[in-house]
Amino acid sequence: MKTKSRYWAILSTLTILTFVTGCGTHSPSSQTNRSTVANPTSGTANVAYAGSLQLVNDQFIGPAFTKVTGIPYEGRGGGALGVAHLIANNEISPNVFESIGTAPLEQMGAKTPKWAIGFASSPLVIAYSPNSPFASKLQEIADDQKPLRNLFTLMEQPGFHLGRTNPATDPQGQAFILMLKLAEKEFHLPSGTVQKIIGSYTNPKQLFAEEAILSRLQAGQLDATSAYLPEAIQHHLPFIRLPATINMGDPSDKTVYASVHMNINGKTIQGKPIEIYITTVPGNPDQKAGEKFISFLLSKQGIKIYKKNGYSITPFQIWGNKQDIPASIHSEIQG
């Protein structure tokens, strides 16, 4: 397990409320990266995405898409479940939604898409602050000098400031808790370890918006946070890798992940691989621009960008009705 160097955070501190009021994460690419190429498609690719996808979309995919097609791009980020709720209530009107997992897609009411395409996975890691009083111990675990089970003992300490996302609104928050449940089993940790680490599922002392959590870590406000591997790589954060059997990122271990579950908001959430799905949002403006964005992202050029940013590319997975996928997108995934 090797660590990565760190660099200044680019993420602004946001909440889902600022997202609603229009102060969310807007890519400047629609203003500053417009291509001079003739634009055969009117409108804008307005993409709502899980907050962890902000950097790859706004800094790389969006500008590349605009350069190739001449179509403006705008991006908005937030917890995927929260974003799905805003779409369902017509509080935002993106023409593309990029989600972590399919659960958010199933909660969009009249806006529920008829199809979605999965194309990558994103395992969990534990990112940590090099300025933390626990940094030397975390470094030893990251470098395999100390056993991984020590990580969970450290996170139990009363003075350890842990950050995670809200499991009521964000799949990463759910995956982190399920990961702890798997670790408790795999490493034969004492019963009750998960509760000692998190206190409760919605412990307000640990919960932060997905778009802001790494900024708080880099500012020294937290000792460690949950993170997706690509986030840690993109931001050059020191991190601790987790084995595939607990990191929720390996589709081949889906049976292992399914052995744990959690109950929140009256629903039972079963462990499953963390996969990225993309779809158009029914009935929203500029559908053709949205379709072109998805075609670009799923093209060799778009997939290469995601791979370069640390995502594990998986075979295309179709959720919903294959027959409803637009022809231009269907031809891309067939090719």
Protein backbone atom coordinates (compact mmCIF):
# COMPACT_ATOMS: atom_id res chain seq x y z
CA MET A 1 0.00 0.00 0.00
CA LYS A 2 1.65 3.19 -1.18
CA THR A 3 0.69 6.77 -0.44
CA LYS A 4 0.22 9.54 -2.92
CA SER A 5 1.45 13.13 -2.62
CA ARG A 6 -1.01 15.88 -1.90
CA TYR A 7 -1.93 19.17 -3.48
CA TRP A 8 -4.20 22.15 -2.83
CA ALA A 9 -7.92 21.42 -2.89
CA ILE A 10 -9.92 22.78 -5.74
CA LEU A 11 -13.32 21.96 -4.33
CA SER A 12 -15.43 24.73 -2.79
CA THR A 13 -17.42 24.14 0.39
CA LEU A 14 -20.94 23.45 -0.76
CA THR A 15 -24.13 22.00 0.65
CA ILE A 16 -27.13 20.56 -1.05
CA LEU A 17 -28.99 23.79 -0.20
CA THR A 18 -26.55 25.90 -2.16
CA PHE A 19 -26.96 23.41 -4.96
CA VAL A 20 -30.73 24.07 -4.94
CA THR A 21 -30.36 27.85 -4.92
CA GLY A 22 -28.10 27.80 -7.94
CA CYS A 23 -24.83 28.34 -6.12
CA GLY A 24 -23.70 24.81 -6.70
CA THR A 25 -20.75 23.54 -8.65
CA HIS A 26 -20.96 25.17 -12.06
CA SER A 27 -18.25 24.44 -14.55
CA PRO A 28 -16.84 27.53 -16.21
CA SER A 29 -16.33 25.54 -19.38
CA SER A 30 -19.55 26.77 -20.96
CA GLN A 31 -18.17 30.31 -20.82
CA THR A 32 -14.42 29.85 -21.20
CA ASN A 33 -13.97 26.65 -23.16
CA ARG A 34 -16.37 27.05 -26.04
CA SER A 35 -14.95 25.75 -29.24
CA THR A 36 -15.04 27.66 -32.48
CA VAL A 37 -16.20 24.44 -34.14
CA ALA A 38 -19.65 24.80 -35.71
CA ASN A 39 -22.29 23.59 -33.27
CA PRO A 40 -24.88 21.40 -35.01
CA THR A 41 -26.76 20.84 -31.75
CA SER A 42 -28.40 23.76 -29.95
CA GLY A 43 -28.50 23.96 -26.19
CA THR A 44 -26.15 22.95 -23.40
CA ALA A 45 -25.05 19.65 -21.88
CA ASN A 46 -26.29 20.29 -18.33
CA VAL A 47 -24.86 17.47 -16.23
CA ALA A 48 -25.81 16.67 -12.63
CA TYR A 49 -23.38 14.25 -11.03
CA ALA A 50 -22.36 12.60 -7.77
CA GLY A 51 -20.05 15.09 -6.06
CA SER A 52 -17.02 12.79 -6.21
CA LEU A 53 -17.06 13.14 -10.01
CA GLN A 54 -16.61 16.91 -9.94
CA LEU A 55 -12.95 17.13 -10.85
CA VAL A 56 -12.94 14.61 -13.69
CA ASN A 57 -16.09 16.12 -15.22
CA ASP A 58 -15.48 19.83 -14.76
CA GLN A 59 -11.74 19.88 -15.37
CA PHE A 60 -11.35 17.22 -18.03
CA ILE A 61 -14.47 15.67 -19.60
CA GLY A 62 -16.46 18.91 -19.90
CA PRO A 63 -13.77 20.99 -21.60
CA ALA A 64 -12.78 18.10 -23.91
CA PHE A 65 -16.43 17.58 -24.86
CA THR A 66 -16.89 21.27 -25.71
CA LYS A 67 -13.66 21.36 -27.71
CA VAL A 68 -14.73 18.38 -29.83
CA THR A 69 -18.42 19.21 -30.30
CA GLY A 70 -18.72 22.97 -29.78
CA ILE A 71 -21.57 22.31 -27.33
CA PRO A 72 -21.39 24.21 -24.02
CA TYR A 73 -21.12 22.18 -20.81
CA GLU A 74 -22.36 22.95 -17.31
CA GLY A 75 -21.81 20.70 -14.28
CA ARG A 76 -23.49 20.49 -10.88
CA GLY A 77 -22.46 18.15 -8.06
CA GLY A 78 -24.00 16.77 -4.88
CA GLY A 79 -24.76 13.56 -3.02
CA ALA A 80 -26.31 11.28 -5.65
CA LEU A 81 -29.43 10.50 -3.61
CA GLY A 82 -29.92 14.18 -2.85
CA VAL A 83 -29.45 15.13 -6.50
CA ALA A 84 -32.02 12.50 -7.53
CA HIS A 85 -34.47 14.05 -5.05
CA LEU A 86 -33.96 17.52 -6.53
CA ILE A 87 -34.51 16.21 -10.05
CA ALA A 88 -37.64 14.35 -8.99
CA ASN A 89 -39.07 17.54 -7.47
CA ASN A 90 -38.21 19.63 -10.56
CA GLU A 91 -35.91 21.83 -8.48
CA ILE A 92 -33.13 21.32 -11.02
CA SER A 93 -33.44 20.35 -14.69
CA PRO A 94 -30.26 18.69 -15.97
CA ASN A 95 -30.42 16.69 -19.17
CA VAL A 96 -27.78 14.19 -17.91
CA PHE A 97 -27.48 12.47 -14.54
CA GLU A 98 -24.32 10.61 -13.53
CA SER A 99 -24.94 8.52 -10.45
CA ILE A 100 -23.07 6.25 -8.08
CA GLY A 101 -25.09 3.04 -8.27
CA THR A 102 -28.65 2.64 -9.51
CA ALA A 103 -30.51 3.32 -6.25
CA PRO A 104 -30.69 7.09 -6.94
CA LEU A 105 -32.11 6.39 -10.41
CA GLU A 106 -34.94 4.41 -8.85
CA GLN A 107 -35.99 7.35 -6.65
CA MET A 108 -36.65 9.96 -9.31
CA GLY A 109 -40.43 9.62 -9.54
CA ALA A 110 -41.77 10.86 -12.86
CA LYS A 111 -38.19 11.64 -13.89
CA THR A 112 -37.03 8.04 -13.46
CA PRO A 113 -34.97 7.20 -16.56
CA LYS A 114 -35.79 4.21 -18.71
CA TRP A 115 -32.16 3.19 -19.02
CA ALA A 116 -28.66 3.86 -17.71
CA ILE A 117 -25.20 2.61 -18.60
CA GLY A 118 -22.57 1.59 -16.06
CA PHE A 119 -18.97 1.96 -17.20
CA ALA A 120 -16.59 2.23 -14.22
CA SER A 121 -16.06 1.30 -10.58
CA SER A 122 -14.66 3.37 -7.75
CA PRO A 123 -13.33 1.56 -4.64
CA LEU A 124 -13.22 3.17 -1.21
CA VAL A 125 -10.00 4.25 0.51
CA ILE A 126 -9.26 6.14 3.71
CA ALA A 127 -7.68 9.52 2.94
CA TYR A 128 -5.85 11.24 5.77
CA SER A 129 -4.21 14.54 6.67
CA PRO A 130 -0.41 14.63 6.84
CA ASN A 131 -0.84 17.23 9.60
CA SER A 132 -2.99 15.00 11.77
CA PRO A 133 -1.58 14.00 15.18
CA PHE A 134 -2.33 10.45 14.00
CA ALA A 135 -0.50 10.90 10.68
CA SER A 136 2.58 8.85 11.58
CA LYS A 137 0.45 5.89 12.65
CA LEU A 138 -1.72 6.17 9.56
CA GLN A 139 1.44 6.33 7.44
CA GLU A 140 2.71 3.10 8.99
CA ILE A 141 -0.55 1.37 8.09
CA ALA A 142 -0.44 2.78 4.55
CA ASP A 143 3.13 1.49 4.14
CA ASP A 144 2.28 -1.99 5.46
CA GLN A 145 4.48 -1.48 8.50
CA LYS A 146 1.45 -2.00 10.75
CA PRO A 147 -1.59 -4.25 10.17
CA LEU A 148 -4.68 -2.77 8.56
CA ARG A 149 -6.83 -3.74 11.56
CA ASN A 150 -4.98 -0.98 13.48
CA LEU A 151 -6.78 1.57 11.29
CA PHE A 152 -10.11 0.69 12.83
CA THR A 153 -8.69 0.85 16.35
CA LEU A 154 -7.37 4.33 15.60
CA MET A 155 -10.71 5.52 14.25
CA GLU A 156 -12.34 4.50 17.55
CA GLN A 157 -10.21 6.94 19.54
CA PRO A 158 -12.23 9.80 21.12
CA GLY A 159 -9.81 12.41 19.74
CA PHE A 160 -9.88 11.07 16.18
CA HIS A 161 -11.78 13.42 13.86
CA LEU A 162 -13.36 11.30 11.12
CA GLY A 163 -15.25 12.70 8.15
CA ARG A 164 -17.79 10.87 6.01
CA THR A 165 -20.80 11.71 3.88
CA ASN A 166 -24.43 11.42 4.90
CA PRO A 167 -25.76 7.89 4.27
CA ALA A 168 -29.27 9.32 4.01
CA THR A 169 -28.36 11.32 0.89
CA ASP A 170 -25.14 9.87 -0.53
CA PRO A 171 -24.15 6.36 -1.67
CA GLN A 172 -20.58 6.92 -0.47
CA GLY A 173 -21.88 7.42 3.05
CA GLN A 174 -23.72 4.11 2.82
CA ALA A 175 -20.74 2.31 1.29
CA PHE A 176 -18.44 3.52 4.08
CA ILE A 177 -20.66 2.05 6.80
CA LEU A 178 -21.06 -1.20 4.88
CA MET A 179 -17.26 -1.31 4.48
CA LEU A 180 -16.88 -1.04 8.27
CA LYS A 181 -19.32 -3.91 8.74
CA LEU A 182 -17.30 -6.05 6.33
CA ALA A 183 -14.06 -5.10 8.11
CA GLU A 184 -15.50 -6.06 11.47
CA LYS A 185 -16.17 -9.53 10.07
CA GLU A 186 -12.98 -9.97 8.05
CA PHE A 187 -10.56 -8.79 10.74
CA HIS A 188 -12.51 -10.32 13.64
CA LEU A 189 -12.84 -6.95 15.31
CA PRO A 190 -14.71 -6.76 18.63
CA SER A 191 -18.48 -6.65 18.37
CA GLY A 192 -19.67 -3.05 18.34
CA THR A 193 -16.61 -1.67 16.54
CA VAL A 194 -18.73 -0.01 13.85
CA GLN A 195 -20.81 1.83 16.44
CA LYS A 196 -17.71 2.93 18.33
CA ILE A 197 -16.27 4.41 15.13
CA ILE A 198 -19.32 6.26 13.83
CA GLY A 199 -21.51 6.72 16.90
CA SER A 200 -24.66 6.59 14.78
CA TYR A 201 -25.40 6.49 11.07
CA THR A 202 -26.21 10.21 11.03
CA ASN A 203 -23.77 11.49 13.65
CA PRO A 204 -23.64 15.23 12.80
CA LYS A 205 -20.05 15.55 14.04
CA GLN A 206 -18.84 13.34 11.18
CA LEU A 207 -21.12 14.26 8.28
CA PHE A 208 -20.02 16.63 5.51
CA ALA A 209 -21.16 17.38 1.97
CA GLU A 210 -19.40 15.16 -0.56
CA GLU A 211 -18.15 18.20 -2.47
CA ALA A 212 -16.61 19.73 0.69
CA ILE A 213 -15.22 16.87 2.70
CA LEU A 214 -11.78 16.71 1.09
CA SER A 215 -11.37 20.48 1.45
CA ARG A 216 -11.92 20.11 5.18
CA LEU A 217 -9.37 17.31 5.30
CA GLN A 218 -6.78 19.39 3.48
CA ALA A 219 -7.51 22.34 5.75
CA GLY A 220 -6.56 20.19 8.74
CA GLN A 221 -10.08 20.10 10.20
CA LEU A 222 -10.23 16.30 9.98
CA ASP A 223 -7.77 13.49 10.65
CA ALA A 224 -9.17 11.15 7.98
CA THR A 225 -12.14 10.77 5.67
CA SER A 226 -13.83 8.24 3.48
CA ALA A 227 -12.95 8.80 -0.17
CA TYR A 228 -13.07 7.08 -3.51
CA LEU A 229 -9.71 5.96 -4.86
CA PRO A 230 -9.88 8.28 -7.91
CA GLU A 231 -10.52 11.28 -5.63
CA ALA A 232 -7.42 10.50 -3.58
CA ILE A 233 -5.32 10.05 -6.72
CA GLN A 234 -6.66 13.19 -8.42
CA HIS A 235 -6.03 15.33 -5.34
CA HIS A 236 -2.67 13.73 -4.51
CA LEU A 237 -3.88 12.90 -1.01
CA PRO A 238 -2.14 10.38 1.24
CA PHE A 239 -4.44 7.39 1.63
CA ILE A 240 -4.76 3.84 2.89
CA ARG A 241 -5.83 1.22 0.41
CA LEU A 242 -8.45 -1.31 1.49
CA PRO A 243 -8.58 -4.92 0.26
CA ALA A 244 -11.05 -5.71 -2.49
CA THR A 245 -13.09 -7.83 -0.10
CA ILE A 246 -14.14 -4.72 1.84
CA ASN A 247 -13.53 -1.72 -0.47
CA MET A 248 -16.86 -2.13 -2.34
CA GLY A 249 -15.11 -1.52 -5.65
CA ASP A 250 -14.66 -4.96 -7.21
CA PRO A 251 -17.69 -6.35 -9.08
CA SER A 252 -16.26 -9.86 -8.74
CA ASP A 253 -16.75 -9.60 -4.96
CA LYS A 254 -20.42 -8.66 -5.15
CA THR A 255 -21.45 -11.77 -3.19
CA VAL A 256 -19.12 -10.77 -0.33
CA TYR A 257 -20.50 -7.23 -0.28
CA ALA A 258 -24.06 -8.54 -0.24
CA SER A 259 -23.37 -10.30 3.08
CA VAL A 260 -23.84 -7.01 4.97
CA HIS A 261 -26.68 -4.51 5.08
CA MET A 262 -27.89 -1.41 6.90
CA ASN A 263 -31.29 0.12 7.58
CA ILE A 264 -31.84 3.85 7.09
CA ASN A 265 -34.92 5.95 6.35
CA GLY A 266 -37.04 2.80 6.63
CA LYS A 267 -35.09 1.09 3.84
CA THR A 268 -32.69 -1.83 3.88
CA ILE A 269 -29.49 -1.12 1.97
CA GLN A 270 -27.53 -4.20 0.95
CA GLY A 271 -23.85 -4.11 0.08
CA LYS A 272 -23.04 -3.96 -3.63
CA PRO A 273 -20.15 -2.83 -5.85
CA ILE A 274 -19.70 0.92 -6.29
CA GLU A 275 -20.37 1.54 -9.97
CA ILE A 276 -20.86 4.73 -11.99
CA TYR A 277 -23.97 4.95 -14.17
CA ILE A 278 -24.96 7.65 -16.66
CA THR A 279 -28.28 8.46 -18.32
CA THR A 280 -30.39 11.24 -19.79
CA VAL A 281 -33.14 12.81 -17.67
CA PRO A 282 -36.57 12.37 -19.30
CA GLY A 283 -38.48 15.50 -20.29
CA ASN A 284 -35.73 18.01 -19.57
CA PRO A 285 -34.43 20.58 -22.10
CA ASP A 286 -31.67 20.01 -24.64
CA GLN A 287 -31.97 16.24 -24.86
CA LYS A 288 -29.78 16.05 -27.96
CA ALA A 289 -26.98 17.92 -26.21
CA GLY A 290 -27.27 15.50 -23.28
CA GLU A 291 -27.14 12.50 -25.59
CA LYS A 292 -24.04 13.86 -27.31
CA PHE A 293 -22.35 14.34 -23.94
CA ILE A 294 -23.02 10.71 -22.98
CA SER A 295 -21.80 9.48 -26.38
CA PHE A 296 -18.58 11.44 -25.86
CA LEU A 297 -18.04 10.20 -22.31
CA LEU A 298 -18.53 6.58 -23.37
CA SER A 299 -16.26 6.95 -26.40
CA LYS A 300 -12.66 5.81 -26.35
CA GLN A 301 -11.54 9.37 -25.66
CA GLY A 302 -13.93 9.84 -22.75
CA ILE A 303 -13.19 6.44 -21.20
CA LYS A 304 -9.46 7.15 -21.50
CA ILE A 305 -9.93 10.35 -19.49
CA TYR A 306 -11.74 8.48 -16.73
CA LYS A 307 -9.10 5.77 -16.65
CA LYS A 308 -6.32 8.36 -16.45
CA ASN A 309 -8.08 9.88 -13.45
CA GLY A 310 -7.97 6.63 -11.48
CA TYR A 311 -11.27 4.94 -12.27
CA SER A 312 -11.42 1.21 -12.95
CA ILE A 313 -13.13 0.77 -16.31
CA THR A 314 -15.63 -2.09 -16.37
CA PRO A 315 -17.57 -3.72 -19.20
CA PHE A 316 -20.66 -1.66 -20.03
CA GLN A 317 -23.60 -2.58 -17.81
CA ILE A 318 -27.13 -1.74 -18.97
CA TRP A 319 -29.78 -0.91 -16.37
CA GLY A 320 -33.38 -0.68 -17.49
CA ASN A 321 -34.55 -1.12 -21.08
CA LYS A 322 -31.85 -1.55 -23.67
CA GLN A 323 -34.35 -0.73 -26.42
CA ASP A 324 -34.80 2.82 -25.07
CA ILE A 325 -31.13 3.77 -25.35
CA PRO A 326 -30.76 6.42 -28.12
CA ALA A 327 -29.20 5.04 -31.28
CA SER A 328 -26.14 7.31 -31.09
CA ILE A 329 -25.32 6.09 -27.58
CA HIS A 330 -26.14 2.48 -28.37
CA SER A 331 -23.73 2.51 -31.30
CA GLU A 332 -20.99 3.87 -29.01
CA ILE A 333 -21.29 1.08 -26.46
CA GLN A 334 -21.54 -1.53 -29.20
CA GLY A 335 -18.38 -0.24 -30.82
